Amino acid sequence: MFDIIIWGGACISVAGLVGLVWCILRVMKARRSNLSDDELRAAVQRVLPWNLAALFLSVIGLMLVIVGISLG
């Protein structure tokens, strides 16, 4: 039972990590394209909600892993 919680949390955490890498790559691409300051700021603001969602997924996944380990 607790193995499911641990592995599910690990999968959720990996999904969040993939999202964080995607956000980093998007911002790096925007920085390399020599945008103006306002355009770069708009690009970063578009990525920010995705970044926070990915971070949230990672945290929830790690919490599930910790709960599964401590209860199992």
PDB file of N, CA and C in Angstrom:
ATOM      1  N   MET A   1       0.825  -1.205   0.000  1.00  0.00           N
ATOM      2  CA  MET A   1       0.000   0.000   0.000  1.00  0.00           C
ATOM      3  C   MET A   1       0.861   1.258   0.000  1.00  0.00           C
ATOM      4  N   PHE A   2       1.850   1.294   0.900  1.00  0.00           N
ATOM      5  CA  PHE A   2       2.674   2.493   0.999  1.00  0.00           C
ATOM      6  C   PHE A   2       3.656   2.599  -0.155  1.00  0.00           C
ATOM      7  N   ASP A   3       3.916   1.452  -0.811  1.00  0.00           N
ATOM      8  CA  ASP A   3       4.760   1.510  -2.006  1.00  0.00           C
ATOM      9  C   ASP A   3       4.105   2.334  -3.097  1.00  0.00           C
ATOM     10  N   ILE A   4       2.788   2.243  -3.188  1.00  0.00           N
ATOM     11  CA  ILE A   4       2.055   3.019  -4.191  1.00  0.00           C
ATOM     12  C   ILE A   4       2.194   4.507  -3.902  1.00  0.00           C
ATOM     13  N   ILE A   5       2.110   4.887  -2.640  1.00  0.00           N
ATOM     14  CA  ILE A   5       2.261   6.290  -2.262  1.00  0.00           C
ATOM     15  C   ILE A   5       3.672   6.778  -2.589  1.00  0.00           C
ATOM     16  N   ILE A   6       4.664   5.953  -2.288  1.00  0.00           N
ATOM     17  CA  ILE A   6       6.056   6.342  -2.531  1.00  0.00           C
ATOM     18  C   ILE A   6       6.312   6.501  -4.025  1.00  0.00           C
ATOM     19  N   TRP A   7       5.932   5.490  -4.818  1.00  0.00           N
ATOM     20  CA  TRP A   7       6.196   5.554  -6.253  1.00  0.00           C
ATOM     21  C   TRP A   7       5.326   6.602  -6.938  1.00  0.00           C
ATOM     22  N   GLY A   8       4.113   6.770  -6.476  1.00  0.00           N
ATOM     23  CA  GLY A   8       3.262   7.835  -7.028  1.00  0.00           C
ATOM     24  C   GLY A   8       3.850   9.210  -6.748  1.00  0.00           C
ATOM     25  N   GLY A   9       4.327   9.397  -5.533  1.00  0.00           N
ATOM     26  CA  GLY A   9       4.971  10.658  -5.187  1.00  0.00           C
ATOM     27  C   GLY A   9       6.232  10.894  -5.993  1.00  0.00           C
ATOM     28  N   ALA A  10       6.985   9.832  -6.235  1.00  0.00           N
ATOM     29  CA  ALA A  10       8.195   9.967  -7.047  1.00  0.00           C
ATOM     30  C   ALA A  10       7.848  10.358  -8.475  1.00  0.00           C
ATOM     31  N   CYS A  11       6.804   9.767  -9.028  1.00  0.00           N
ATOM     32  CA  CYS A  11       6.383  10.126 -10.392  1.00  0.00           C
ATOM     33  C   CYS A  11       5.905  11.572 -10.469  1.00  0.00           C
ATOM     34  N   ILE A  12       5.147  11.995  -9.479  1.00  0.00           N
ATOM     35  CA  ILE A  12       4.675  13.381  -9.449  1.00  0.00           C
ATOM     36  C   ILE A  12       5.857  14.337  -9.316  1.00  0.00           C
ATOM     37  N   SER A  13       6.805  13.974  -8.495  1.00  0.00           N
ATOM     38  CA  SER A  13       7.986  14.814  -8.306  1.00  0.00           C
ATOM     39  C   SER A  13       8.819  14.911  -9.585  1.00  0.00           C
ATOM     40  N   VAL A  14       8.954  13.809 -10.298  1.00  0.00           N
ATOM     41  CA  VAL A  14       9.681  13.828 -11.575  1.00  0.00           C
ATOM     42  C   VAL A  14       8.940  14.674 -12.606  1.00  0.00           C
ATOM     43  N   ALA A  15       7.613  14.608 -12.609  1.00  0.00           N
ATOM     44  CA  ALA A  15       6.832  15.452 -13.523  1.00  0.00           C
ATOM     45  C   ALA A  15       7.065  16.933 -13.211  1.00  0.00           C
ATOM     46  N   GLY A  16       7.130  17.262 -11.945  1.00  0.00           N
ATOM     47  CA  GLY A  16       7.421  18.640 -11.563  1.00  0.00           C
ATOM     48  C   GLY A  16       8.821  19.057 -11.971  1.00  0.00           C
ATOM     49  N   LEU A  17       9.772  18.154 -11.854  1.00  0.00           N
ATOM     50  CA  LEU A  17      11.142  18.445 -12.262  1.00  0.00           C
ATOM     51  C   LEU A  17      11.231  18.664 -13.765  1.00  0.00           C
ATOM     52  N   VAL A  18      10.515  17.873 -14.533  1.00  0.00           N
ATOM     53  CA  VAL A  18      10.474  18.069 -15.981  1.00  0.00           C
ATOM     54  C   VAL A  18       9.873  19.436 -16.311  1.00  0.00           C
ATOM     55  N   GLY A  19       8.841  19.826 -15.584  1.00  0.00           N
ATOM     56  CA  GLY A  19       8.244  21.146 -15.784  1.00  0.00           C
ATOM     57  C   GLY A  19       9.210  22.268 -15.453  1.00  0.00           C
ATOM     58  N   LEU A  20       9.992  22.103 -14.407  1.00  0.00           N
ATOM     59  CA  LEU A  20      10.976  23.122 -14.052  1.00  0.00           C
ATOM     60  C   LEU A  20      12.059  23.250 -15.125  1.00  0.00           C
ATOM     61  N   VAL A  21      12.505  22.120 -15.662  1.00  0.00           N
ATOM     62  CA  VAL A  21      13.502  22.161 -16.732  1.00  0.00           C
ATOM     63  C   VAL A  21      12.920  22.841 -17.971  1.00  0.00           C
ATOM     64  N   TRP A  22      11.658  22.555 -18.278  1.00  0.00           N
ATOM     65  CA  TRP A  22      10.996  23.193 -19.407  1.00  0.00           C
ATOM     66  C   TRP A  22      10.943  24.713 -19.221  1.00  0.00           C
ATOM     67  N   CYS A  23      10.620  25.156 -18.015  1.00  0.00           N
ATOM     68  CA  CYS A  23      10.574  26.594 -17.734  1.00  0.00           C
ATOM     69  C   CYS A  23      11.950  27.226 -17.900  1.00  0.00           C
ATOM     70  N   ILE A  24      12.973  26.554 -17.427  1.00  0.00           N
ATOM     71  CA  ILE A  24      14.331  27.083 -17.562  1.00  0.00           C
ATOM     72  C   ILE A  24      14.701  27.208 -19.032  1.00  0.00           C
ATOM     73  N   LEU A  25      14.377  26.190 -19.821  1.00  0.00           N
ATOM     74  CA  LEU A  25      14.700  26.242 -21.243  1.00  0.00           C
ATOM     75  C   LEU A  25      13.936  27.338 -21.970  1.00  0.00           C
ATOM     76  N   ARG A  26      12.686  27.555 -21.587  1.00  0.00           N
ATOM     77  CA  ARG A  26      11.903  28.633 -22.216  1.00  0.00           C
ATOM     78  C   ARG A  26      12.501  30.006 -21.924  1.00  0.00           C
ATOM     79  N   VAL A  27      12.912  30.237 -20.697  1.00  0.00           N
ATOM     80  CA  VAL A  27      13.495  31.533 -20.339  1.00  0.00           C
ATOM     81  C   VAL A  27      14.858  31.700 -20.999  1.00  0.00           C
ATOM     82  N   MET A  28      15.644  30.628 -21.070  1.00  0.00           N
ATOM     83  CA  MET A  28      16.934  30.718 -21.742  1.00  0.00           C
ATOM     84  C   MET A  28      16.760  31.039 -23.230  1.00  0.00           C
ATOM     85  N   LYS A  29      15.746  30.439 -23.836  1.00  0.00           N
ATOM     86  CA  LYS A  29      15.463  30.724 -25.249  1.00  0.00           C
ATOM     87  C   LYS A  29      15.053  32.185 -25.438  1.00  0.00           C
ATOM     88  N   ALA A  30      14.261  32.696 -24.518  1.00  0.00           N
ATOM     89  CA  ALA A  30      13.840  34.093 -24.606  1.00  0.00           C
ATOM     90  C   ALA A  30      15.030  35.042 -24.402  1.00  0.00           C
ATOM     91  N   ARG A  31      15.928  34.683 -23.504  1.00  0.00           N
ATOM     92  CA  ARG A  31      17.104  35.538 -23.264  1.00  0.00           C
ATOM     93  C   ARG A  31      18.045  35.549 -24.454  1.00  0.00           C
ATOM     94  N   ARG A  32      18.163  34.406 -25.141  1.00  0.00           N
ATOM     95  CA  ARG A  32      19.061  34.323 -26.294  1.00  0.00           C
ATOM     96  C   ARG A  32      18.516  35.046 -27.521  1.00  0.00           C
ATOM     97  N   SER A  33      17.219  35.269 -27.576  1.00  0.00           N
ATOM     98  CA  SER A  33      16.625  35.859 -28.775  1.00  0.00           C
ATOM     99  C   SER A  33      16.740  37.377 -28.812  1.00  0.00           C
ATOM    100  N   ASN A  34      17.488  37.962 -27.898  1.00  0.00           N
ATOM    101  CA  ASN A  34      17.762  39.408 -27.873  1.00  0.00           C
ATOM    102  C   ASN A  34      16.486  40.253 -27.924  1.00  0.00           C
ATOM    103  N   LEU A  35      15.568  39.945 -27.049  1.00  0.00           N
ATOM    104  CA  LEU A  35      14.339  40.717 -26.943  1.00  0.00           C
ATOM    105  C   LEU A  35      14.604  42.007 -26.180  1.00  0.00           C
ATOM    106  N   SER A  36      13.715  42.949 -26.344  1.00  0.00           N
ATOM    107  CA  SER A  36      13.823  44.168 -25.550  1.00  0.00           C
ATOM    108  C   SER A  36      13.469  43.841 -24.100  1.00  0.00           C
ATOM    109  N   ASP A  37      13.712  44.794 -23.221  1.00  0.00           N
ATOM    110  CA  ASP A  37      13.484  44.545 -21.797  1.00  0.00           C
ATOM    111  C   ASP A  37      12.016  44.239 -21.511  1.00  0.00           C
ATOM    112  N   ASP A  38      11.122  44.980 -22.135  1.00  0.00           N
ATOM    113  CA  ASP A  38       9.687  44.749 -21.907  1.00  0.00           C
ATOM    114  C   ASP A  38       9.234  43.407 -22.468  1.00  0.00           C
ATOM    115  N   GLU A  39       9.746  43.035 -23.628  1.00  0.00           N
ATOM    116  CA  GLU A  39       9.369  41.750 -24.216  1.00  0.00           C
ATOM    117  C   GLU A  39       9.921  40.583 -23.399  1.00  0.00           C
ATOM    118  N   LEU A  40      11.139  40.738 -22.898  1.00  0.00           N
ATOM    119  CA  LEU A  40      11.721  39.695 -22.057  1.00  0.00           C
ATOM    120  C   LEU A  40      10.942  39.559 -20.756  1.00  0.00           C
ATOM    121  N   ARG A  41      10.563  40.667 -20.194  1.00  0.00           N
ATOM    122  CA  ARG A  41       9.763  40.636 -18.966  1.00  0.00           C
ATOM    123  C   ARG A  41       8.416  39.961 -19.208  1.00  0.00           C
ATOM    124  N   ALA A  42       7.792  40.225 -20.355  1.00  0.00           N
ATOM    125  CA  ALA A  42       6.518  39.583 -20.683  1.00  0.00           C
ATOM    126  C   ALA A  42       6.701  38.078 -20.876  1.00  0.00           C
ATOM    127  N   ALA A  43       7.807  37.685 -21.496  1.00  0.00           N
ATOM    128  CA  ALA A  43       8.062  36.259 -21.693  1.00  0.00           C
ATOM    129  C   ALA A  43       8.259  35.549 -20.366  1.00  0.00           C
ATOM    130  N   VAL A  44       8.981  36.171 -19.454  1.00  0.00           N
ATOM    131  CA  VAL A  44       9.198  35.576 -18.136  1.00  0.00           C
ATOM    132  C   VAL A  44       7.885  35.523 -17.357  1.00  0.00           C
ATOM    133  N   GLN A  45       7.067  36.545 -17.490  1.00  0.00           N
ATOM    134  CA  GLN A  45       5.785  36.546 -16.791  1.00  0.00           C
ATOM    135  C   GLN A  45       4.843  35.464 -17.322  1.00  0.00           C
ATOM    136  N   ARG A  46       4.973  35.116 -18.615  1.00  0.00           N
ATOM    137  CA  ARG A  46       4.157  34.028 -19.157  1.00  0.00           C
ATOM    138  C   ARG A  46       4.608  32.679 -18.615  1.00  0.00           C
ATOM    139  N   VAL A  47       5.889  32.534 -18.309  1.00  0.00           N
ATOM    140  CA  VAL A  47       6.415  31.262 -17.824  1.00  0.00           C
ATOM    141  C   VAL A  47       6.213  31.111 -16.315  1.00  0.00           C
ATOM    142  N   LEU A  48       6.081  32.196 -15.605  1.00  0.00           N
ATOM    143  CA  LEU A  48       6.014  32.171 -14.145  1.00  0.00           C
ATOM    144  C   LEU A  48       4.908  31.271 -13.582  1.00  0.00           C
ATOM    145  N   PRO A  49       3.674  31.308 -14.079  1.00  0.00           N
ATOM    146  CA  PRO A  49       2.660  30.394 -13.513  1.00  0.00           C
ATOM    147  C   PRO A  49       3.005  28.917 -13.725  1.00  0.00           C
ATOM    148  N   TRP A  50       3.594  28.592 -14.863  1.00  0.00           N
ATOM    149  CA  TRP A  50       4.018  27.215 -15.121  1.00  0.00           C
ATOM    150  C   TRP A  50       5.136  26.817 -14.170  1.00  0.00           C
ATOM    151  N   ASN A  51       6.018  27.750 -13.900  1.00  0.00           N
ATOM    152  CA  ASN A  51       7.122  27.491 -12.982  1.00  0.00           C
ATOM    153  C   ASN A  51       6.592  27.203 -11.579  1.00  0.00           C
ATOM    154  N   LEU A  52       5.666  27.999 -11.127  1.00  0.00           N
ATOM    155  CA  LEU A  52       5.093  27.786  -9.800  1.00  0.00           C
ATOM    156  C   LEU A  52       4.313  26.476  -9.725  1.00  0.00           C
ATOM    157  N   ALA A  53       3.595  26.126 -10.792  1.00  0.00           N
ATOM    158  CA  ALA A  53       2.857  24.865 -10.816  1.00  0.00           C
ATOM    159  C   ALA A  53       3.810  23.676 -10.785  1.00  0.00           C
ATOM    160  N   ALA A  54       4.910  23.769 -11.521  1.00  0.00           N
ATOM    161  CA  ALA A  54       5.889  22.686 -11.523  1.00  0.00           C
ATOM    162  C   ALA A  54       6.555  22.551 -10.159  1.00  0.00           C
ATOM    163  N   LEU A  55       6.845  23.672  -9.540  1.00  0.00           N
ATOM    164  CA  LEU A  55       7.428  23.641  -8.201  1.00  0.00           C
ATOM    165  C   LEU A  55       6.449  23.037  -7.199  1.00  0.00           C
ATOM    166  N   PHE A  56       5.180  23.377  -7.327  1.00  0.00           N
ATOM    167  CA  PHE A  56       4.145  22.820  -6.465  1.00  0.00           C
ATOM    168  C   PHE A  56       4.059  21.302  -6.631  1.00  0.00           C
ATOM    169  N   LEU A  57       4.112  20.830  -7.891  1.00  0.00           N
ATOM    170  CA  LEU A  57       4.078  19.392  -8.133  1.00  0.00           C
ATOM    171  C   LEU A  57       5.268  18.687  -7.490  1.00  0.00           C
ATOM    172  N   SER A  58       6.431  19.289  -7.618  1.00  0.00           N
ATOM    173  CA  SER A  58       7.622  18.688  -7.027  1.00  0.00           C
ATOM    174  C   SER A  58       7.495  18.592  -5.512  1.00  0.00           C
ATOM    175  N   VAL A  59       7.007  19.637  -4.894  1.00  0.00           N
ATOM    176  CA  VAL A  59       6.864  19.648  -3.439  1.00  0.00           C
ATOM    177  C   VAL A  59       5.832  18.622  -2.987  1.00  0.00           C
ATOM    178  N   ILE A  60       4.705  18.563  -3.661  1.00  0.00           N
ATOM    179  CA  ILE A  60       3.667  17.589  -3.295  1.00  0.00           C
ATOM    180  C   ILE A  60       4.186  16.164  -3.474  1.00  0.00           C
ATOM    181  N   GLY A  61       4.909  15.931  -4.563  1.00  0.00           N
ATOM    182  CA  GLY A  61       5.472  14.603  -4.785  1.00  0.00           C
ATOM    183  C   GLY A  61       6.456  14.211  -3.707  1.00  0.00           C
ATOM    184  N   LEU A  62       7.328  15.133  -3.330  1.00  0.00           N
ATOM    185  CA  LEU A  62       8.285  14.826  -2.264  1.00  0.00           C
ATOM    186  C   LEU A  62       7.594  14.620  -0.923  1.00  0.00           C
ATOM    187  N   MET A  63       6.530  15.372  -0.679  1.00  0.00           N
ATOM    188  CA  MET A  63       5.777  15.162   0.558  1.00  0.00           C
ATOM    189  C   MET A  63       5.142  13.776   0.582  1.00  0.00           C
ATOM    190  N   LEU A  64       4.622  13.324  -0.567  1.00  0.00           N
ATOM    191  CA  LEU A  64       4.040  11.991  -0.614  1.00  0.00           C
ATOM    192  C   LEU A  64       5.106  10.915  -0.372  1.00  0.00           C
ATOM    193  N   VAL A  65       6.290  11.114  -0.926  1.00  0.00           N
ATOM    194  CA  VAL A  65       7.370  10.162  -0.708  1.00  0.00           C
ATOM    195  C   VAL A  65       7.722  10.088   0.784  1.00  0.00           C
ATOM    196  N   ILE A  66       7.825  11.229   1.418  1.00  0.00           N
ATOM    197  CA  ILE A  66       8.175  11.264   2.845  1.00  0.00           C
ATOM    198  C   ILE A  66       7.087  10.623   3.688  1.00  0.00           C
ATOM    199  N   VAL A  67       5.834  10.909   3.364  1.00  0.00           N
ATOM    200  CA  VAL A  67       4.722  10.297   4.106  1.00  0.00           C
ATOM    201  C   VAL A  67       4.713   8.787   3.912  1.00  0.00           C
ATOM    202  N   GLY A  68       4.932   8.345   2.679  1.00  0.00           N
ATOM    203  CA  GLY A  68       4.956   6.911   2.417  1.00  0.00           C
ATOM    204  C   GLY A  68       6.088   6.210   3.139  1.00  0.00           C
ATOM    205  N   ILE A  69       7.250   6.839   3.197  1.00  0.00           N
ATOM    206  CA  ILE A  69       8.384   6.230   3.887  1.00  0.00           C
ATOM    207  C   ILE A  69       8.130   6.192   5.400  1.00  0.00           C
ATOM    208  N   SER A  70       7.644   7.302   5.937  1.00  0.00           N
ATOM    209  CA  SER A  70       7.469   7.359   7.388  1.00  0.00           C
ATOM    210  C   SER A  70       6.326   6.456   7.872  1.00  0.00           C
ATOM    211  N   LEU A  71       5.299   6.268   7.082  1.00  0.00           N
ATOM    212  CA  LEU A  71       4.187   5.401   7.494  1.00  0.00           C
ATOM    213  C   LEU A  71       4.452   3.930   7.175  1.00  0.00           C
ATOM    214  N   GLY A  72       5.329   3.687   6.193  1.00  0.00           N
ATOM    215  CA  GLY A  72       5.595   2.299   5.772  1.00  0.00           C
ATOM    216  C   GLY A  72       6.688   1.740   6.550  1.00  0.00           C
TER     217      GLY A  72
END
